[in-house]
Amino acid sequence: MADEIRIAFLLFPHLTQLDLTGPAQVLSRVPGSRLEYVAATLDPVPSDCGLSLVPTVTITDASAADVLVVPGGDGAFDAMLDPTVVAFVRRQARDATWITSVCTGAFVLGAAGLLAGRRATTHWASKPMLEAFGAQPVDVRVARDGAVVTAAGVSAGIDMALWLAAELAGRPAAEAIQLQIEYDPQPPFDHGSAEHADAAVVTRARAAAEEARGARVTRAAAAVLH
């Protein structure tokens, strides 16, 4: 890989900001990295927690990247139906060394036809719907299948970015970054995965995700697979 590592983060309305800012905090510390934040326009992009993010380049003007990062959030289910966004992801995927997603950003990759026949993960509540794109959902924090790397929900983006940092700059550099950001999770509750949470809560949340997002997934899958 070249001395300069071009990393493009896709922005769209109502993304989950930690899906983007977690990996950005890690990857910005990779030696030689140059980060770009890509959106339809240069106007601030609202996240799903009210924090707006400022793009640095438009989809039209963005150059080819070595790494593409697609965050999730409910906005991902609208982004996957946007032909301009899907075309951008496909265009970047042609030349990128790594195509990555965090959380429900996986559905944008699916809409671009990048998950068919691949192992992939996403937020636990929406994971079964990945099958609509021909993906094989897997219960892991980070799933790599060829050049495509998908992370589970929200905080898993940091895990993915540290893994990617090791691929880009070597394990010692990635370990140094982990230490710099003091990433040593010790959550107060053992309730951060579907395996550990109350089964009834998990069932209700999955049903709610299907009800809220299933129709959009079906539309996007029909466009890419037929």
Protein backbone atom coordinates (compact mmCIF):
# COMPACT_ATOMS: atom_id res chain seq x y z
CA MET A 1 0.00 0.00 0.00
CA ALA A 2 1.17 3.55 -0.72
CA ASP A 3 2.75 5.71 2.00
CA GLU A 4 -0.47 7.73 2.16
CA ILE A 5 -3.51 5.69 3.16
CA ARG A 6 -6.71 7.30 1.95
CA ILE A 7 -9.66 6.47 4.19
CA ALA A 8 -13.16 7.59 3.18
CA PHE A 9 -16.03 7.74 5.67
CA LEU A 10 -19.52 7.92 4.19
CA LEU A 11 -21.89 10.38 5.86
CA PHE A 12 -25.68 10.42 5.51
CA PRO A 13 -28.51 11.86 7.63
CA HIS A 14 -29.34 10.05 10.88
CA LEU A 15 -26.22 7.92 10.99
CA THR A 16 -25.10 6.72 14.43
CA GLN A 17 -22.18 9.01 15.21
CA LEU A 18 -20.19 6.46 17.26
CA ASP A 19 -20.28 4.11 14.26
CA LEU A 20 -18.22 6.77 12.48
CA THR A 21 -16.31 8.62 15.18
CA GLY A 22 -15.10 5.47 16.95
CA PRO A 23 -13.30 4.09 13.88
CA ALA A 24 -12.22 7.60 12.86
CA GLN A 25 -10.50 8.12 16.21
CA VAL A 26 -8.57 4.90 15.71
CA LEU A 27 -7.76 5.18 12.01
CA SER A 28 -6.71 8.84 12.24
CA ARG A 29 -3.75 7.59 14.31
CA VAL A 30 -2.54 5.13 11.68
CA PRO A 31 0.74 6.46 10.26
CA GLY A 32 0.20 8.01 6.82
CA SER A 33 -3.59 8.00 7.02
CA ARG A 34 -5.60 10.77 5.37
CA LEU A 35 -9.26 10.81 6.31
CA GLU A 36 -12.05 12.21 4.19
CA TYR A 37 -15.67 12.58 5.22
CA VAL A 38 -17.89 12.14 2.17
CA ALA A 39 -21.51 13.27 1.80
CA ALA A 40 -23.96 14.40 -0.85
CA THR A 41 -23.13 18.07 -0.11
CA LEU A 42 -20.77 19.96 2.19
CA ASP A 43 -23.61 20.90 4.53
CA PRO A 44 -23.44 19.54 8.09
CA VAL A 45 -24.98 16.06 8.35
CA PRO A 46 -27.22 15.40 11.39
CA SER A 47 -26.55 12.22 13.30
CA ASP A 48 -29.17 10.28 15.23
CA CYS A 49 -28.12 11.84 18.55
CA GLY A 50 -28.37 15.46 17.42
CA LEU A 51 -24.66 15.95 16.79
CA SER A 52 -23.97 17.17 13.25
CA LEU A 53 -20.87 16.12 11.33
CA VAL A 54 -19.15 18.27 8.72
CA PRO A 55 -18.18 16.63 5.41
CA THR A 56 -14.85 17.45 3.77
CA VAL A 57 -15.74 16.39 0.22
CA THR A 58 -18.83 15.58 -1.81
CA ILE A 59 -19.67 12.21 -3.30
CA THR A 60 -19.19 13.78 -6.73
CA ASP A 61 -15.69 15.04 -5.98
CA ALA A 62 -14.38 12.22 -3.79
CA SER A 63 -11.30 10.44 -5.07
CA ALA A 64 -10.72 6.69 -4.92
CA ALA A 65 -9.92 5.52 -1.40
CA ASP A 66 -7.84 2.68 -0.04
CA VAL A 67 -10.38 2.09 2.73
CA LEU A 68 -14.10 2.79 2.74
CA VAL A 69 -15.98 2.96 6.06
CA VAL A 70 -19.79 2.94 6.04
CA PRO A 71 -21.48 3.64 9.40
CA GLY A 72 -24.94 2.53 10.41
CA GLY A 73 -27.98 3.99 12.12
CA ASP A 74 -31.56 4.13 10.92
CA GLY A 75 -30.39 6.49 8.20
CA ALA A 76 -28.55 3.59 6.59
CA PHE A 77 -31.89 2.11 5.57
CA ASP A 78 -32.66 5.26 3.61
CA ALA A 79 -29.11 5.57 2.28
CA MET A 80 -29.28 2.06 0.82
CA LEU A 81 -32.23 3.21 -1.31
CA ASP A 82 -30.36 6.27 -2.62
CA PRO A 83 -28.95 5.47 -6.09
CA THR A 84 -26.22 8.12 -5.69
CA VAL A 85 -24.99 6.58 -2.43
CA VAL A 86 -25.12 3.04 -3.81
CA ALA A 87 -23.22 4.06 -6.95
CA PHE A 88 -20.57 5.77 -4.81
CA VAL A 89 -20.07 2.65 -2.70
CA ARG A 90 -19.79 0.45 -5.78
CA ARG A 91 -17.32 2.87 -7.35
CA GLN A 92 -15.14 2.96 -4.25
CA ALA A 93 -15.27 -0.83 -3.90
CA ARG A 94 -13.71 -1.31 -7.32
CA ASP A 95 -10.33 0.05 -6.20
CA ALA A 96 -10.36 -0.06 -2.40
CA THR A 97 -8.19 -2.51 -0.50
CA TRP A 98 -10.78 -2.74 2.27
CA ILE A 99 -14.53 -2.12 2.18
CA THR A 100 -15.90 -1.91 5.72
CA SER A 101 -19.11 -1.23 7.58
CA VAL A 102 -20.19 -0.71 11.15
CA CYS A 103 -23.54 -1.80 12.52
CA THR A 104 -26.36 -1.41 9.98
CA GLY A 105 -23.98 0.17 7.48
CA ALA A 106 -23.77 -3.44 6.29
CA PHE A 107 -27.11 -2.92 4.56
CA VAL A 108 -25.61 -0.17 2.40
CA LEU A 109 -22.92 -2.66 1.33
CA GLY A 110 -25.66 -5.19 0.68
CA ALA A 111 -27.57 -2.74 -1.51
CA ALA A 112 -24.37 -2.22 -3.50
CA GLY A 113 -24.18 -5.97 -4.15
CA LEU A 114 -21.09 -6.48 -2.00
CA LEU A 115 -22.42 -9.05 0.47
CA ALA A 116 -23.78 -11.79 -1.79
CA GLY A 117 -22.23 -15.10 -0.80
CA ARG A 118 -20.19 -13.49 1.99
CA ARG A 119 -20.11 -13.93 5.75
CA ALA A 120 -21.24 -10.70 7.36
CA THR A 121 -22.42 -9.22 10.63
CA THR A 122 -24.35 -6.17 11.77
CA HIS A 123 -26.39 -4.99 14.75
CA TRP A 124 -27.93 -8.04 16.42
CA ALA A 125 -31.50 -6.82 16.03
CA SER A 126 -31.22 -6.52 12.24
CA LYS A 127 -28.80 -9.36 11.52
CA PRO A 128 -31.35 -11.88 10.14
CA MET A 129 -32.32 -9.40 7.41
CA LEU A 130 -28.83 -9.64 5.88
CA GLU A 131 -29.98 -12.86 4.24
CA ALA A 132 -32.10 -10.76 1.87
CA PHE A 133 -28.85 -9.68 0.18
CA GLY A 134 -27.50 -13.22 -0.10
CA ALA A 135 -25.20 -12.80 2.89
CA GLN A 136 -24.49 -15.40 5.55
CA PRO A 137 -25.08 -13.71 8.93
CA VAL A 138 -22.54 -14.67 11.58
CA ASP A 139 -22.47 -14.00 15.31
CA VAL A 140 -19.10 -12.30 15.68
CA ARG A 141 -17.92 -8.79 16.55
CA VAL A 142 -15.93 -8.45 13.32
CA ALA A 143 -16.44 -10.55 10.19
CA ARG A 144 -13.95 -10.55 7.34
CA ASP A 145 -14.72 -12.17 4.01
CA GLY A 146 -12.15 -11.22 1.41
CA ALA A 147 -11.85 -7.45 1.16
CA VAL A 148 -15.18 -6.90 2.92
CA VAL A 149 -15.10 -6.37 6.68
CA THR A 150 -18.30 -5.87 8.67
CA ALA A 151 -18.61 -5.00 12.35
CA ALA A 152 -21.48 -5.70 14.72
CA GLY A 153 -23.37 -2.94 16.48
CA VAL A 154 -21.99 0.51 17.27
CA SER A 155 -19.11 -0.10 19.71
CA ALA A 156 -17.87 -3.01 17.58
CA GLY A 157 -16.65 -0.40 15.10
CA ILE A 158 -13.73 0.30 17.43
CA ASP A 159 -12.79 -3.38 17.40
CA MET A 160 -12.97 -3.41 13.62
CA ALA A 161 -10.86 -0.28 13.31
CA LEU A 162 -8.14 -1.69 15.60
CA TRP A 163 -8.09 -4.89 13.56
CA LEU A 164 -7.84 -2.81 10.40
CA ALA A 165 -5.07 -0.65 11.89
CA ALA A 166 -3.03 -3.83 12.38
CA GLU A 167 -3.58 -4.76 8.74
CA LEU A 168 -2.55 -1.29 7.57
CA ALA A 169 0.36 -0.57 9.90
CA GLY A 170 1.20 -3.75 11.80
CA ARG A 171 0.13 -5.12 15.16
CA PRO A 172 2.57 -3.04 17.26
CA ALA A 173 1.14 0.16 15.79
CA ALA A 174 -2.43 -1.03 16.40
CA GLU A 175 -1.60 -2.00 19.98
CA ALA A 176 -0.08 1.44 20.54
CA ILE A 177 -3.28 3.07 19.26
CA GLN A 178 -5.38 0.90 21.56
CA LEU A 179 -3.27 2.06 24.48
CA GLN A 180 -3.43 5.70 23.37
CA ILE A 181 -7.22 5.68 23.38
CA GLU A 182 -7.28 3.51 26.54
CA TYR A 183 -9.65 1.04 24.96
CA ASP A 184 -10.05 -1.43 27.81
CA PRO A 185 -13.80 -2.04 28.13
CA GLN A 186 -15.09 -2.91 31.59
CA PRO A 187 -18.84 -2.26 31.33
CA PRO A 188 -20.88 -1.99 34.51
CA PHE A 189 -23.43 -4.53 33.24
CA ASP A 190 -23.07 -7.85 31.42
CA HIS A 191 -25.95 -6.98 29.13
CA GLY A 192 -24.26 -5.82 25.95
CA SER A 193 -25.10 -8.69 23.62
CA ALA A 194 -28.18 -10.58 22.54
CA GLU A 195 -26.69 -13.72 24.08
CA HIS A 196 -26.62 -12.15 27.56
CA ALA A 197 -29.73 -9.96 27.46
CA ASP A 198 -33.22 -11.03 28.48
CA ALA A 199 -34.65 -13.27 25.76
CA ALA A 200 -38.04 -11.56 25.74
CA VAL A 201 -36.41 -8.15 25.25
CA VAL A 202 -34.31 -9.51 22.39
CA THR A 203 -37.35 -11.03 20.69
CA ARG A 204 -39.34 -7.80 20.91
CA ALA A 205 -36.43 -5.71 19.61
CA ARG A 206 -35.88 -7.98 16.62
CA ALA A 207 -39.57 -7.85 15.77
CA ALA A 208 -39.52 -4.05 16.02
CA ALA A 209 -36.50 -3.84 13.74
CA GLU A 210 -38.21 -6.05 11.16
CA GLU A 211 -41.39 -3.98 11.31
CA ALA A 212 -39.55 -0.65 11.00
CA ARG A 213 -36.98 -1.64 8.39
CA GLY A 214 -38.12 -4.80 6.63
CA ALA A 215 -39.97 -3.09 3.78
CA ARG A 216 -36.93 -0.96 2.93
CA VAL A 217 -34.66 -4.00 3.04
CA THR A 218 -36.96 -5.87 0.68
CA ARG A 219 -36.94 -2.94 -1.78
CA ALA A 220 -33.15 -2.63 -1.71
CA ALA A 221 -32.60 -6.37 -2.04
CA ALA A 222 -34.97 -6.57 -5.00
CA ALA A 223 -33.04 -3.82 -6.75
CA VAL A 224 -29.66 -5.51 -6.38
CA LEU A 225 -30.55 -9.18 -6.79
CA HIS A 226 -33.07 -9.04 -9.62
